[in-house]
Amino acid sequence: MIVNTLARLCEACQGRSRHYDPAIGSLTKAGSGVKSAINQYWLSAVYAAKGDNDKALASLDSALELGFGDFAALDASPHFKYLRDDPRYRKLVEQHRKN
């Protein structure tokens, strides 16, 4: 299952739009037990790549609350390119950078 999840994630994050929903389904299923910061981060990346800013922000907030703190990766990730223009994104990231 992990291999399929990673394959779908890679395809979705490369902009292959037909893979967004399968990647989201795989990540959601993989995180149905205990949520992890990295799972929530990747879920956020796929939602952001898909253009679903509300769900991307909710997942990113969850990732940050669960301890995700690789801000260099977040800053460099092309998946968040358009989300970075959203004031809610900037506020959320700045709040967590301070912690």
C-alpha atoms as a PDB file:
ATOM      1  CA  MET A   1       0.000   0.000   0.000  1.00  0.00           C
ATOM      2  CA  ILE A   2       2.803   2.427   0.823  1.00  0.00           C
ATOM      3  CA  VAL A   3       4.313   1.994  -2.655  1.00  0.00           C
ATOM      4  CA  ASN A   4       0.990   2.822  -4.336  1.00  0.00           C
ATOM      5  CA  THR A   5       0.516   5.809  -2.064  1.00  0.00           C
ATOM      6  CA  LEU A   6       3.982   7.155  -2.895  1.00  0.00           C
ATOM      7  CA  ALA A   7       3.512   6.558  -6.622  1.00  0.00           C
ATOM      8  CA  ARG A   8       0.202   8.418  -6.628  1.00  0.00           C
ATOM      9  CA  LEU A   9       1.713  11.201  -4.555  1.00  0.00           C
ATOM     10  CA  CYS A  10       4.636  11.632  -6.963  1.00  0.00           C
ATOM     11  CA  GLU A  11       2.340  11.678  -9.980  1.00  0.00           C
ATOM     12  CA  ALA A  12      -0.041  14.162  -8.391  1.00  0.00           C
ATOM     13  CA  CYS A  13       2.707  16.492  -7.240  1.00  0.00           C
ATOM     14  CA  GLN A  14       4.177  16.490 -10.735  1.00  0.00           C
ATOM     15  CA  GLY A  15       0.990  18.169 -11.879  1.00  0.00           C
ATOM     16  CA  ARG A  16      -0.711  15.121 -13.335  1.00  0.00           C
ATOM     17  CA  SER A  17      -4.201  16.227 -12.417  1.00  0.00           C
ATOM     18  CA  ARG A  18      -5.867  12.865 -12.924  1.00  0.00           C
ATOM     19  CA  HIS A  19      -3.780  11.578 -10.020  1.00  0.00           C
ATOM     20  CA  TYR A  20      -4.839  14.183  -7.449  1.00  0.00           C
ATOM     21  CA  ASP A  21      -7.890  12.346  -6.168  1.00  0.00           C
ATOM     22  CA  PRO A  22      -6.228   8.895  -5.996  1.00  0.00           C
ATOM     23  CA  ALA A  23      -3.298  10.453  -4.110  1.00  0.00           C
ATOM     24  CA  ILE A  24      -5.663  12.198  -1.702  1.00  0.00           C
ATOM     25  CA  GLY A  25      -7.563   8.942  -1.192  1.00  0.00           C
ATOM     26  CA  SER A  26      -4.358   7.005  -0.516  1.00  0.00           C
ATOM     27  CA  LEU A  27      -3.011   9.624   1.898  1.00  0.00           C
ATOM     28  CA  THR A  28      -6.332   9.891   3.713  1.00  0.00           C
ATOM     29  CA  LYS A  29      -6.564   6.120   4.035  1.00  0.00           C
ATOM     30  CA  ALA A  30      -2.933   5.869   5.173  1.00  0.00           C
ATOM     31  CA  GLY A  31      -3.564   8.498   7.852  1.00  0.00           C
ATOM     32  CA  SER A  32      -6.891   7.142   9.041  1.00  0.00           C
ATOM     33  CA  GLY A  33      -5.364   5.685  12.192  1.00  0.00           C
ATOM     34  CA  VAL A  34      -2.883   8.034  13.787  1.00  0.00           C
ATOM     35  CA  LYS A  35      -2.257  11.296  11.979  1.00  0.00           C
ATOM     36  CA  SER A  36       1.375  12.076  11.297  1.00  0.00           C
ATOM     37  CA  ALA A  37       2.942  15.422  10.501  1.00  0.00           C
ATOM     38  CA  ILE A  38       4.543  14.193   7.289  1.00  0.00           C
ATOM     39  CA  ASN A  39       1.336  12.589   6.022  1.00  0.00           C
ATOM     40  CA  GLN A  40      -0.547  15.826   6.657  1.00  0.00           C
ATOM     41  CA  TYR A  41       2.219  17.798   4.927  1.00  0.00           C
ATOM     42  CA  TRP A  42       1.972  15.662   1.776  1.00  0.00           C
ATOM     43  CA  LEU A  43      -1.813  15.775   1.870  1.00  0.00           C
ATOM     44  CA  SER A  44      -1.536  19.552   2.009  1.00  0.00           C
ATOM     45  CA  ALA A  45       0.902  19.527  -0.926  1.00  0.00           C
ATOM     46  CA  VAL A  46      -1.514  17.547  -3.091  1.00  0.00           C
ATOM     47  CA  TYR A  47      -4.464  19.773  -2.167  1.00  0.00           C
ATOM     48  CA  ALA A  48      -2.326  22.840  -2.935  1.00  0.00           C
ATOM     49  CA  ALA A  49      -1.246  21.401  -6.294  1.00  0.00           C
ATOM     50  CA  LYS A  50      -4.904  20.666  -7.039  1.00  0.00           C
ATOM     51  CA  GLY A  51      -5.833  24.260  -6.194  1.00  0.00           C
ATOM     52  CA  ASP A  52      -7.986  23.416  -3.167  1.00  0.00           C
ATOM     53  CA  ASN A  53      -6.566  26.093  -0.881  1.00  0.00           C
ATOM     54  CA  ASP A  54      -9.012  25.565   1.983  1.00  0.00           C
ATOM     55  CA  LYS A  55      -8.170  21.876   2.344  1.00  0.00           C
ATOM     56  CA  ALA A  56      -4.477  22.546   1.728  1.00  0.00           C
ATOM     57  CA  LEU A  57      -4.425  25.065   4.572  1.00  0.00           C
ATOM     58  CA  ALA A  58      -6.355  22.779   6.908  1.00  0.00           C
ATOM     59  CA  SER A  59      -3.940  19.909   6.251  1.00  0.00           C
ATOM     60  CA  LEU A  60      -0.916  22.184   6.572  1.00  0.00           C
ATOM     61  CA  ASP A  61      -2.234  23.521   9.872  1.00  0.00           C
ATOM     62  CA  SER A  62      -2.609  19.937  11.073  1.00  0.00           C
ATOM     63  CA  ALA A  63       0.943  19.101   9.917  1.00  0.00           C
ATOM     64  CA  LEU A  64       2.368  22.095  11.750  1.00  0.00           C
ATOM     65  CA  GLU A  65       0.371  21.335  14.896  1.00  0.00           C
ATOM     66  CA  LEU A  66       1.670  17.746  14.786  1.00  0.00           C
ATOM     67  CA  GLY A  67       5.255  19.020  14.713  1.00  0.00           C
ATOM     68  CA  PHE A  68       6.187  19.498  11.071  1.00  0.00           C
ATOM     69  CA  GLY A  69       8.915  22.106  11.135  1.00  0.00           C
ATOM     70  CA  ASP A  70      10.914  21.799   7.921  1.00  0.00           C
ATOM     71  CA  PHE A  71      10.278  25.352   6.795  1.00  0.00           C
ATOM     72  CA  ALA A  72      13.110  25.198   4.239  1.00  0.00           C
ATOM     73  CA  ALA A  73      11.261  22.362   2.477  1.00  0.00           C
ATOM     74  CA  LEU A  74       7.984  24.249   2.736  1.00  0.00           C
ATOM     75  CA  ASP A  75       9.584  27.407   1.298  1.00  0.00           C
ATOM     76  CA  ALA A  76      11.206  25.513  -1.576  1.00  0.00           C
ATOM     77  CA  SER A  77       8.319  23.210  -2.469  1.00  0.00           C
ATOM     78  CA  PRO A  78       6.810  24.015  -5.867  1.00  0.00           C
ATOM     79  CA  HIS A  79       3.531  22.468  -4.707  1.00  0.00           C
ATOM     80  CA  PHE A  80       2.801  25.500  -2.527  1.00  0.00           C
ATOM     81  CA  LYS A  81       3.661  28.044  -5.240  1.00  0.00           C
ATOM     82  CA  TYR A  82       0.153  29.463  -5.600  1.00  0.00           C
ATOM     83  CA  LEU A  83      -0.808  28.951  -1.982  1.00  0.00           C
ATOM     84  CA  ARG A  84       2.008  31.278  -0.881  1.00  0.00           C
ATOM     85  CA  ASP A  85      -0.008  34.215  -2.233  1.00  0.00           C
ATOM     86  CA  ASP A  86      -2.850  33.450   0.173  1.00  0.00           C
ATOM     87  CA  PRO A  87      -2.648  35.672   3.283  1.00  0.00           C
ATOM     88  CA  ARG A  88      -3.961  32.774   5.388  1.00  0.00           C
ATOM     89  CA  TYR A  89      -0.941  30.692   4.337  1.00  0.00           C
ATOM     90  CA  ARG A  90       1.496  33.455   5.251  1.00  0.00           C
ATOM     91  CA  LYS A  91      -0.168  33.980   8.627  1.00  0.00           C
ATOM     92  CA  LEU A  92      -0.222  30.243   9.415  1.00  0.00           C
ATOM     93  CA  VAL A  93       3.419  29.694   8.502  1.00  0.00           C
ATOM     94  CA  GLU A  94       4.618  32.790  10.359  1.00  0.00           C
ATOM     95  CA  GLN A  95       2.757  31.715  13.499  1.00  0.00           C
ATOM     96  CA  HIS A  96       4.536  28.382  13.487  1.00  0.00           C
ATOM     97  CA  ARG A  97       7.952  29.740  12.556  1.00  0.00           C
ATOM     98  CA  LYS A  98       7.916  31.693  15.804  1.00  0.00           C
ATOM     99  CA  ASN A  99       7.384  28.558  17.897  1.00  0.00           C
END
